[in-house]
Amino acid sequence: MDLFDLKNNDLAPLADRMRPTSLGEFFGQKDLVGRGKMLRRLIESDQIPSMIFWGPPGTGKTTLAQIIANLTGSTFVSFSAVTCGVAELKKIIAEAKDRLKFNQLRTILFIDEIHRWSKSQQDALLPHVENGTVTLIGATTENPSFEVNSALLSRTRVFVLEQLSPEEIIGIMEQAIGDKIRGLGNLKIEIEKETLKHLALLANGDARTALNVLELSIKATKPLKSGIIKLNQKAIKESLQRNAHLYDKTGDQHYNIISALHKSLRGSDADASLYWLGRMIAAGEDPLYIARRLVRFASEDVGLANSRALEQAVAGYQACHFIGLPECNVILAQVVVYLAKCKKSNELYEAYLKVQTDVKETMDEPVPLHLRNAPTKLMKNLGYGKDYKYSPNFNYQEKQEYLPEKLKGRKYLKDV
C-alpha cells in the first residue's frame, strides 16, 4: 500500500488523506509551480530532470514528487534514506531497468531525507541517475550544498520550497473541513476564522502539523446535542501539546524574544539570557536557529575581547546539529551563559561597518602595483611587484602602504 492508497483508508491520518494529487489542489510554492514557472513548465512538457527539493517540514516535498509522477505517467517508488540502504536500492534499480526494457516506463525514485545517506551510499546512485535508469527526486530539510555529494548534486537541479504562509495553511485546513470524501466534510464543524488563523500561526508553515492538530482537536472535542463540534483556541493548544504562549511567526513574539535574548547577552545578564533561551526552546524554536544567532553574537558583540567565544559558539552549533532536542538544550544553555559572562567588544563589528561603507563608495579601487604578483615578464615590465618590501626581511617593521591610493592611511580599528 502506498500513500495514494491511504487516501481511501478512513484510518489514515487526515494529512495523508488530504494529500493533493494534482497541481490544482496544491497550495503554496507559486514561484516553483505557479503558471508559467520553470518547474511547472518542465512537468507539463514531461521533461523532468533529476532534482532535489530543499525546504522545511510540511511544505509539500513528498506531495509534489507524487504529483509529478502522476502527471508524467511515471512509476513512483518511495524510498526512505533512514530505513533503506544500498541493497534495497539495487533491487529498485533492477526493477527500473526492467520497466524501461519491457514497458518503456520511466521510474521516479523519491528518496526522503536524502541527507541521511552517507556519501558512499549517495555515490551508488550516480551511474543510474546519469544514464537515466531512474529520475531522482530527493527531499531534504538540510542545505544540500553541505549534505549531498557534490557529484550527485552536479547531476541534479535543486528547487527550494518555502515555508507555507498562514493564508496557505488556512486554505489547506478549509479544504480539509469541506471535503466530504477524503476530509471532514461529513462532520458538523464550527470553527471561527480567528481560531483557524491561530492554528495556522502555531503550525509555523507546516501543513502536516496543522492538519494533524486540527484532526486531533476535532476528535477530542465532545459534540453538542445538535451534533455540532465547536472548536476554540483552547482545544487547539491542548492538541498541539505545547504551550504556544504567543510565540508565533507573525513576527512580533518570534523576533521580540530573540531580540530579548541578544540584548540580555549584550548586557551580560546570564539569568535573563537563560530565561529567554528557555522560552524559545519551550515554544518549539529550531535549536539550530538559536545556535546560528549565538555564533553571530560571538563575533558581533564579544569579538576581539575574547576570541574563544566564537569557538564555543561554533562548537555549540555542531553539537546541536549532532544530537538535536531535547538533549542539546543544556548545550545551548552552556553557550548562552558563556557568552553572557564574556567581556564584550563591538570594535570588530564597527570596523567592518566602516569597511562596507568604503567598499561601496570607492568600489573597484585598483590594487597598488607593489602588492601585485608578477608571474610573467610583461607584468614585471609593467611594474607589478616593484619595490615590494618582504616583511620577514624587515623584522615585520617595514614602512609600506597596503591600502589603495584613495584610502591611504584609513583606520578601521582603534590603535592599541
Protein backbone atom coordinates (compact mmCIF):
# COMPACT_ATOMS: atom_id res chain seq x y z
CA MET A 1 0.00 0.00 0.00
CA ASP A 2 1.43 3.43 -0.94
CA LEU A 3 0.38 6.90 0.12
CA PHE A 4 -2.14 7.16 -2.70
CA ASP A 5 -3.89 4.02 -1.41
CA LEU A 6 -4.08 5.56 2.06
CA LYS A 7 -6.39 8.27 0.79
CA ASN A 8 -9.24 5.80 0.67
CA ASN A 9 -8.47 4.48 4.13
CA ASP A 10 -10.54 6.14 6.88
CA LEU A 11 -7.88 5.09 9.40
CA ALA A 12 -5.19 7.08 7.63
CA PRO A 13 -4.30 10.45 9.18
CA LEU A 14 -6.11 13.46 7.75
CA ALA A 15 -2.84 14.86 6.41
CA ASP A 16 -2.34 11.74 4.27
CA ARG A 17 -5.96 11.55 3.12
CA MET A 18 -5.86 15.18 2.00
CA ARG A 19 -2.57 14.90 0.16
CA PRO A 20 -3.12 16.64 -3.22
CA THR A 21 -2.98 14.57 -6.39
CA SER A 22 -2.83 17.47 -8.86
CA LEU A 23 -1.26 20.90 -9.10
CA GLY A 24 -4.74 22.40 -8.89
CA GLU A 25 -5.11 21.10 -5.32
CA PHE A 26 -1.56 22.02 -4.33
CA PHE A 27 -1.13 25.02 -2.02
CA GLY A 28 2.00 27.15 -1.90
CA GLN A 29 5.27 27.20 -3.86
CA LYS A 30 3.88 29.54 -6.52
CA ASP A 31 7.41 30.54 -7.51
CA LEU A 32 8.02 26.92 -8.50
CA VAL A 33 4.72 25.54 -9.77
CA GLY A 34 2.69 28.67 -10.46
CA ARG A 35 1.54 29.12 -14.05
CA GLY A 36 4.48 29.80 -16.32
CA LYS A 37 7.13 28.94 -13.71
CA MET A 38 10.06 26.71 -14.62
CA LEU A 39 9.17 23.57 -12.68
CA ARG A 40 5.58 23.69 -13.88
CA ARG A 41 6.73 24.04 -17.48
CA LEU A 42 9.03 21.03 -17.05
CA ILE A 43 6.18 18.98 -15.60
CA GLU A 44 3.71 19.96 -18.31
CA SER A 45 6.21 19.22 -21.08
CA ASP A 46 7.19 15.89 -19.45
CA GLN A 47 10.84 16.95 -19.31
CA ILE A 48 11.55 16.14 -15.68
CA PRO A 49 15.23 16.26 -14.66
CA SER A 50 16.63 14.62 -11.55
CA MET A 51 16.14 17.12 -8.77
CA ILE A 52 16.35 17.79 -5.06
CA PHE A 53 13.62 19.53 -3.09
CA TRP A 54 15.06 21.51 -0.19
CA GLY A 55 12.71 23.04 2.35
CA PRO A 56 11.24 22.92 5.87
CA PRO A 57 8.94 20.08 7.00
CA GLY A 58 5.35 20.11 5.78
CA THR A 59 5.95 22.30 2.71
CA GLY A 60 4.95 19.68 0.13
CA LYS A 61 8.18 17.96 -0.93
CA THR A 62 6.75 14.42 -0.93
CA THR A 63 3.40 15.54 -2.32
CA LEU A 64 4.99 17.43 -5.20
CA ALA A 65 7.10 14.41 -6.11
CA GLN A 66 3.98 12.22 -6.23
CA ILE A 67 2.10 14.77 -8.34
CA ILE A 68 4.99 14.84 -10.82
CA ALA A 69 4.93 11.05 -11.09
CA ASN A 70 1.15 11.09 -11.52
CA LEU A 71 1.12 13.78 -14.23
CA THR A 72 4.01 12.28 -16.20
CA GLY A 73 2.72 8.70 -16.11
CA SER A 74 5.84 7.52 -14.33
CA THR A 75 6.18 4.72 -11.82
CA PHE A 76 6.65 6.28 -8.40
CA VAL A 77 8.94 4.48 -5.95
CA SER A 78 9.27 5.97 -2.49
CA PHE A 79 12.43 5.26 -0.55
CA SER A 80 13.46 6.43 2.92
CA ALA A 81 17.14 7.15 3.49
CA VAL A 82 16.57 6.50 7.19
CA THR A 83 15.45 2.86 6.87
CA CYS A 84 16.80 1.71 3.49
CA GLY A 85 20.28 1.15 2.15
CA VAL A 86 22.22 0.15 -0.95
CA ALA A 87 20.79 -3.40 -1.00
CA GLU A 88 17.24 -2.04 -1.37
CA LEU A 89 18.49 0.44 -3.95
CA LYS A 90 19.95 -2.34 -6.11
CA LYS A 91 16.58 -4.10 -6.16
CA ILE A 92 14.79 -0.89 -7.16
CA ILE A 93 17.33 -0.23 -9.92
CA ALA A 94 16.88 -3.75 -11.33
CA GLU A 95 13.10 -3.27 -11.44
CA ALA A 96 13.52 0.15 -13.07
CA LYS A 97 15.70 -1.37 -15.80
CA ASP A 98 13.03 -3.99 -16.48
CA ARG A 99 10.35 -1.30 -16.82
CA LEU A 100 12.46 0.60 -19.33
CA LYS A 101 13.27 -2.56 -21.26
CA PHE A 102 9.82 -4.10 -21.48
CA ASN A 103 7.33 -1.27 -20.97
CA GLN A 104 9.28 1.89 -21.73
CA LEU A 105 8.09 3.24 -18.38
CA ARG A 106 10.16 5.77 -16.51
CA THR A 107 10.77 5.31 -12.77
CA ILE A 108 10.79 8.30 -10.45
CA LEU A 109 12.79 7.37 -7.38
CA PHE A 110 11.83 9.56 -4.46
CA ILE A 111 14.37 9.48 -1.60
CA ASP A 112 13.07 11.13 1.52
CA GLU A 113 15.66 12.69 3.85
CA ILE A 114 18.41 12.06 1.33
CA HIS A 115 20.84 13.92 3.60
CA ARG A 116 20.72 10.91 5.96
CA TRP A 117 22.55 8.80 3.39
CA SER A 118 26.34 8.62 3.61
CA LYS A 119 28.49 9.92 0.77
CA SER A 120 29.32 6.37 -0.34
CA GLN A 121 25.61 5.44 -0.40
CA GLN A 122 24.87 8.52 -2.46
CA ASP A 123 27.69 7.50 -4.84
CA ALA A 124 25.79 4.28 -5.56
CA LEU A 125 23.07 6.39 -7.20
CA LEU A 126 25.36 8.25 -9.58
CA PRO A 127 25.54 5.90 -12.59
CA HIS A 128 21.80 5.21 -12.54
CA VAL A 129 20.90 8.89 -12.39
CA GLU A 130 23.44 9.72 -15.08
CA ASN A 131 22.29 7.04 -17.54
CA GLY A 132 18.60 7.74 -16.94
CA THR A 133 17.65 4.42 -15.37
CA VAL A 134 15.83 6.43 -12.71
CA THR A 135 14.81 10.04 -12.36
CA LEU A 136 15.83 11.03 -8.86
CA ILE A 137 13.77 13.33 -6.67
CA GLY A 138 15.45 13.79 -3.31
CA ALA A 139 13.90 15.59 -0.36
CA THR A 140 15.89 17.25 2.39
CA THR A 141 15.43 19.76 5.17
CA GLU A 142 19.20 20.36 5.24
CA ASN A 143 21.30 22.52 2.94
CA PRO A 144 22.17 20.20 0.02
CA SER A 145 25.43 22.10 -0.53
CA PHE A 146 26.72 20.52 2.67
CA GLU A 147 24.72 17.31 2.92
CA VAL A 148 24.60 15.97 -0.64
CA ASN A 149 27.58 14.56 -2.50
CA SER A 150 28.92 17.18 -4.92
CA ALA A 151 29.00 14.65 -7.78
CA LEU A 152 25.32 13.83 -7.23
CA LEU A 153 24.48 17.49 -6.73
CA SER A 154 26.01 18.36 -10.11
CA ARG A 155 23.64 15.88 -11.79
CA THR A 156 20.50 17.31 -10.20
CA ARG A 157 18.59 20.57 -10.11
CA VAL A 158 17.90 21.99 -6.64
CA PHE A 159 14.47 23.54 -6.06
CA VAL A 160 13.93 25.45 -2.82
CA LEU A 161 10.49 25.09 -1.20
CA GLU A 162 9.50 27.96 1.03
CA GLN A 163 7.66 27.77 4.32
CA LEU A 164 3.90 27.99 3.76
CA SER A 165 2.22 31.26 4.68
CA PRO A 166 -0.56 31.36 7.30
CA GLU A 167 -3.04 32.11 4.50
CA GLU A 168 -1.95 28.99 2.61
CA ILE A 169 -2.23 26.88 5.77
CA ILE A 170 -5.74 28.25 6.35
CA GLY A 171 -6.67 27.34 2.78
CA ILE A 172 -5.44 23.78 3.29
CA MET A 173 -7.46 23.42 6.51
CA GLU A 174 -10.61 24.88 4.96
CA GLN A 175 -10.26 22.43 2.08
CA ALA A 176 -10.00 19.55 4.56
CA ILE A 177 -13.01 20.75 6.57
CA GLY A 178 -15.17 20.95 3.45
CA ASP A 179 -14.07 17.75 1.68
CA LYS A 180 -16.75 15.06 2.15
CA ILE A 181 -14.79 12.25 0.54
CA ARG A 182 -11.28 12.50 1.99
CA GLY A 183 -11.71 15.12 4.66
CA LEU A 184 -14.06 16.22 7.42
CA GLY A 185 -16.96 17.43 5.30
CA ASN A 186 -19.42 14.89 6.74
CA LEU A 187 -18.99 16.34 10.24
CA LYS A 188 -20.76 19.45 11.54
CA ILE A 189 -17.77 21.58 12.44
CA GLU A 190 -17.89 25.16 13.63
CA ILE A 191 -14.57 26.95 13.84
CA GLU A 192 -14.08 30.70 13.75
CA LYS A 193 -11.71 32.27 11.27
CA GLU A 194 -9.60 33.61 14.15
CA THR A 195 -9.19 30.09 15.54
CA LEU A 196 -8.06 28.80 12.14
CA LYS A 197 -5.67 31.74 11.89
CA HIS A 198 -4.33 30.96 15.37
CA LEU A 199 -3.65 27.34 14.41
CA ALA A 200 -2.07 28.41 11.13
CA LEU A 201 0.35 30.65 13.02
CA LEU A 202 1.22 27.97 15.55
CA ALA A 203 1.87 25.44 12.77
CA ASN A 204 4.89 27.52 11.68
CA GLY A 205 4.36 26.90 7.98
CA ASP A 206 3.96 23.12 8.36
CA ALA A 207 0.77 21.88 6.68
CA ARG A 208 1.12 18.41 8.18
CA THR A 209 1.24 19.82 11.71
CA ALA A 210 -1.81 22.00 11.06
CA LEU A 211 -3.91 19.10 9.73
CA ASN A 212 -2.79 16.71 12.48
CA VAL A 213 -3.68 19.21 15.21
CA LEU A 214 -6.99 20.04 13.53
CA GLU A 215 -7.92 16.36 13.35
CA LEU A 216 -6.89 15.66 16.95
CA SER A 217 -8.79 18.70 18.22
CA ILE A 218 -11.97 17.52 16.48
CA LYS A 219 -11.62 14.00 17.86
CA ALA A 220 -11.04 15.34 21.37
CA THR A 221 -13.99 17.77 21.33
CA LYS A 222 -17.34 16.45 22.51
CA PRO A 223 -20.15 17.33 20.06
CA LEU A 224 -23.09 19.43 21.25
CA LYS A 225 -26.56 17.85 21.39
CA SER A 226 -27.14 19.18 17.90
CA GLY A 227 -24.12 17.21 16.70
CA ILE A 228 -22.08 20.35 16.09
CA ILE A 229 -18.39 20.23 17.01
CA LYS A 230 -17.25 23.68 18.10
CA LEU A 231 -13.50 24.25 18.09
CA ASN A 232 -11.83 27.03 20.05
CA GLN A 233 -8.25 28.12 20.70
CA LYS A 234 -8.08 26.21 23.97
CA ALA A 235 -8.73 22.91 22.21
CA ILE A 236 -6.11 23.78 19.61
CA LYS A 237 -3.46 24.49 22.25
CA GLU A 238 -4.21 21.24 24.07
CA SER A 239 -3.89 19.26 20.85
CA LEU A 240 -0.63 20.96 19.96
CA GLN A 241 0.76 19.56 23.23
CA ARG A 242 2.86 22.56 23.97
CA ASN A 243 2.32 25.97 25.44
CA ALA A 244 2.20 28.23 22.43
CA HIS A 245 2.38 31.35 24.62
CA LEU A 246 2.27 33.96 21.89
CA TYR A 247 5.32 32.56 20.10
CA ASP A 248 4.16 32.62 16.53
CA LYS A 249 5.54 33.61 13.18
CA THR A 250 3.60 36.83 12.75
CA GLY A 251 6.97 38.24 13.63
CA ASP A 252 6.24 40.06 16.87
CA GLN A 253 6.97 37.49 19.55
CA HIS A 254 9.39 35.44 17.49
CA TYR A 255 11.62 38.45 16.87
CA ASN A 256 10.90 40.11 20.21
CA ILE A 257 12.17 37.11 22.14
CA ILE A 258 15.32 36.58 20.06
CA SER A 259 15.93 40.31 20.46
CA ALA A 260 15.49 39.97 24.23
CA LEU A 261 18.00 37.10 24.28
CA HIS A 262 20.51 39.07 22.22
CA LYS A 263 20.22 42.20 24.37
CA SER A 264 20.41 40.20 27.62
CA LEU A 265 23.63 38.61 26.37
CA ARG A 266 24.99 42.01 25.40
CA GLY A 267 24.12 43.32 28.85
CA SER A 268 25.93 40.34 30.48
CA ASP A 269 22.79 39.17 32.31
CA ALA A 270 23.22 35.39 32.32
CA ASP A 271 19.97 34.72 34.19
CA ALA A 272 17.80 36.73 31.80
CA SER A 273 19.62 35.16 28.85
CA LEU A 274 18.83 31.67 30.13
CA TYR A 275 15.18 32.62 30.64
CA TRP A 276 14.72 33.86 27.06
CA LEU A 277 16.52 30.78 25.77
CA GLY A 278 14.10 28.61 27.76
CA ARG A 279 11.11 30.47 26.29
CA MET A 280 12.31 29.82 22.75
CA ILE A 281 13.02 26.14 23.32
CA ALA A 282 9.66 25.58 25.08
CA ALA A 283 7.88 27.20 22.14
CA GLY A 284 9.47 24.75 19.71
CA GLU A 285 12.05 27.03 18.10
CA ASP A 286 14.61 25.31 15.87
CA PRO A 287 17.73 24.86 18.06
CA LEU A 288 19.96 25.44 15.04
CA TYR A 289 18.35 28.85 14.51
CA ILE A 290 19.24 29.78 18.10
CA ALA A 291 22.76 28.36 17.67
CA ARG A 292 23.30 30.39 14.49
CA ARG A 293 22.32 33.58 16.30
CA LEU A 294 24.77 32.77 19.09
CA VAL A 295 27.56 32.29 16.54
CA ARG A 296 26.81 35.72 15.12
CA PHE A 297 26.72 37.25 18.61
CA ALA A 298 30.14 35.78 19.41
CA SER A 299 31.74 37.94 16.72
CA GLU A 300 29.44 40.94 16.74
CA ASP A 301 29.32 41.62 20.48
CA VAL A 302 32.23 39.71 22.02
CA GLY A 303 34.65 39.80 19.14
CA LEU A 304 38.26 40.58 19.91
CA ALA A 305 37.60 40.86 23.65
CA ASN A 306 37.52 37.04 23.85
CA SER A 307 38.42 35.10 20.72
CA ARG A 308 37.40 31.82 22.41
CA ALA A 309 33.75 32.90 22.30
CA LEU A 310 33.47 32.08 18.60
CA GLU A 311 34.97 28.63 19.24
CA GLN A 312 32.39 27.96 21.96
CA ALA A 313 29.51 29.14 19.78
CA VAL A 314 30.57 27.10 16.74
CA ALA A 315 31.12 24.01 18.91
CA GLY A 316 27.64 24.54 20.35
CA TYR A 317 26.13 24.71 16.86
CA GLN A 318 27.88 21.49 15.81
CA ALA A 319 26.77 19.70 18.98
CA CYS A 320 23.15 20.78 18.43
CA HIS A 321 23.36 19.53 14.85
CA PHE A 322 24.66 16.15 16.05
CA ILE A 323 22.14 15.37 18.79
CA GLY A 324 19.14 17.70 18.45
CA LEU A 325 16.47 18.38 21.06
CA PRO A 326 15.88 17.71 23.87
CA GLU A 327 19.49 16.71 24.59
CA CYS A 328 21.02 19.84 23.10
CA ASN A 329 19.13 22.24 25.38
CA VAL A 330 21.91 22.17 28.01
CA ILE A 331 24.50 22.77 25.28
CA LEU A 332 22.68 25.92 24.20
CA ALA A 333 22.46 26.92 27.87
CA GLN A 334 26.24 26.49 28.24
CA VAL A 335 26.96 28.70 25.24
CA VAL A 336 24.45 31.33 26.36
CA VAL A 337 25.94 31.59 29.87
CA TYR A 338 29.49 31.66 28.49
CA LEU A 339 28.66 34.49 26.09
CA ALA A 340 26.77 36.42 28.76
CA LYS A 341 29.76 36.28 31.12
CA CYS A 342 32.31 37.21 28.44
CA LYS A 343 33.97 40.60 28.28
CA LYS A 344 32.33 42.45 25.37
CA SER A 345 33.68 44.46 22.45
CA ASN A 346 31.94 45.58 19.27
CA GLU A 347 35.13 47.07 17.81
CA LEU A 348 35.32 44.40 15.10
CA TYR A 349 31.67 44.92 14.18
CA GLU A 350 32.05 48.70 13.97
CA ALA A 351 35.26 48.36 11.97
CA TYR A 352 33.63 46.13 9.39
CA LEU A 353 30.70 48.54 9.02
CA LYS A 354 33.25 51.23 8.05
CA VAL A 355 34.86 48.82 5.60
CA GLN A 356 31.47 48.09 4.00
CA THR A 357 30.87 51.81 3.55
CA ASP A 358 34.27 52.36 1.91
CA VAL A 359 33.89 49.33 -0.36
CA LYS A 360 30.52 50.63 -1.52
CA GLU A 361 31.59 54.23 -2.04
CA THR A 362 35.06 53.56 -3.53
CA MET A 363 34.32 50.33 -5.38
CA ASP A 364 36.92 48.72 -7.64
CA GLU A 365 39.90 50.67 -6.33
CA PRO A 366 42.99 49.25 -8.11
CA VAL A 367 45.45 47.15 -6.13
CA PRO A 368 48.73 49.10 -5.69
CA LEU A 369 51.38 47.89 -8.15
CA HIS A 370 53.86 46.84 -5.46
CA LEU A 371 51.27 44.44 -3.97
CA ARG A 372 50.61 42.63 -7.24
CA ASN A 373 52.31 39.37 -8.18
CA ALA A 374 54.35 39.30 -11.40
CA PRO A 375 54.24 35.73 -12.78
CA THR A 376 55.03 36.90 -16.33
CA LYS A 377 57.73 39.13 -17.86
CA LEU A 378 55.09 41.52 -19.18
CA MET A 379 53.66 42.04 -15.70
CA LYS A 380 57.13 42.62 -14.31
CA ASN A 381 57.84 45.20 -17.04
CA LEU A 382 54.59 46.93 -16.13
CA GLY A 383 55.82 47.39 -12.57
CA TYR A 384 53.93 44.59 -10.85
CA GLY A 385 55.62 43.83 -7.52
CA LYS A 386 58.21 46.61 -7.90
CA ASP A 387 59.60 47.93 -4.58
CA TYR A 388 57.57 45.47 -2.53
CA LYS A 389 59.13 45.00 0.91
CA TYR A 390 59.11 41.37 2.08
CA SER A 391 58.04 41.67 5.73
CA PRO A 392 60.34 38.98 7.23
CA ASN A 393 63.37 40.79 5.79
CA PHE A 394 62.42 43.87 7.77
CA ASN A 395 61.57 42.05 11.01
CA TYR A 396 57.97 42.95 10.25
CA GLN A 397 58.71 46.61 10.88
CA GLU A 398 58.66 47.80 7.26
CA LYS A 399 57.02 51.07 6.31
CA GLN A 400 54.71 50.21 3.44
CA GLU A 401 51.22 51.14 2.27
CA TYR A 402 48.76 48.27 1.84
CA LEU A 403 45.55 50.16 1.03
CA PRO A 404 44.52 51.64 -2.33
CA GLU A 405 45.74 55.18 -3.03
CA LYS A 406 42.36 56.80 -2.32
CA LEU A 407 42.16 55.10 1.08
CA LYS A 408 45.76 55.69 2.11
CA GLY A 409 46.08 55.97 5.88
CA ARG A 410 42.49 54.89 6.56
CA LYS A 411 41.96 53.38 10.06
CA TYR A 412 39.14 50.96 10.79
CA LEU A 413 40.35 49.56 14.11
CA LYS A 414 41.36 51.53 17.16
CA ASP A 415 45.09 51.84 17.83
CA VAL A 416 46.20 49.76 20.79
